[in-house]
Amino acid sequence: MSADRETLTVYDRKAGDYAALVRTDKPRGSLSQFIGLMPAGARVLDLGCGPGDAAAAMRDAGLRPDAVDASAGMVDLANRTHDIGARHATFDDLDAEAVYAGVWASFSLLHAARADLPRHLEQIARSLVDGGHLAIGMKVGEGAARDALGRFYTYVGVAELEGLLQEAGLDVISTREGEERGMAGTIDPYVIMTARKTPDA
């Protein structure tokens, strides 16, 4: 990301609280679907890995996850908890070309500025092999704002996100909408989309 310092400070300070909120014993829902789309032993990117639970689930399923996060506190927690080899990196540090069979971006790109989303998605598409998949979670709404904890969010419409993915050369193959209570205490609508890289992207 073009890293927002206030957002990263919140995650550094509250890494343990966030981990407790999202922890699960086994992959479920969209993560389980994402893992099921991956070839055996595939290399995958967990972009914004947080406490590393998803990356650990991917590793346990036989995949080879590359876990990155812009929060040093989250990277430290992920490695202490899962020994996952997580490393500190922002969205702007992604420069891979046709490396990953899948990119898992679960509620991480929502911290990027709206103007930066097209280029981030285009770089994610470049990092995927032909036929590779992106799973992305975003909060649904309009505009941008900070939550009660100070974290910056860009909100998107469902059709808007699908359009951004298509412009990046990714075909949406599934969409799931819902709402969930987050660390700031509010119940917010969200969308999770899975998209496939078209061969000529």
Foldseek 3Di string as FASTA:
>chain_A
DVDDVLQLVLCLVCLVVQCVVPDDPADDDPLVVQLVLDDAQFEEEAAACRQPRSVLNSVVSRYQYAYEHQHPNRQVNNCVVRVNNYDYDHLVPQQAAQRGLEYEAEAPCQQPDPVCLLVSLLSVLRNHHAFGKYKYKFFADADWDAAPSGGIGHHHHPVRVCVSNVVSQWHWDDKDKDWDQHPSGDITIMMITMTTHHNVD
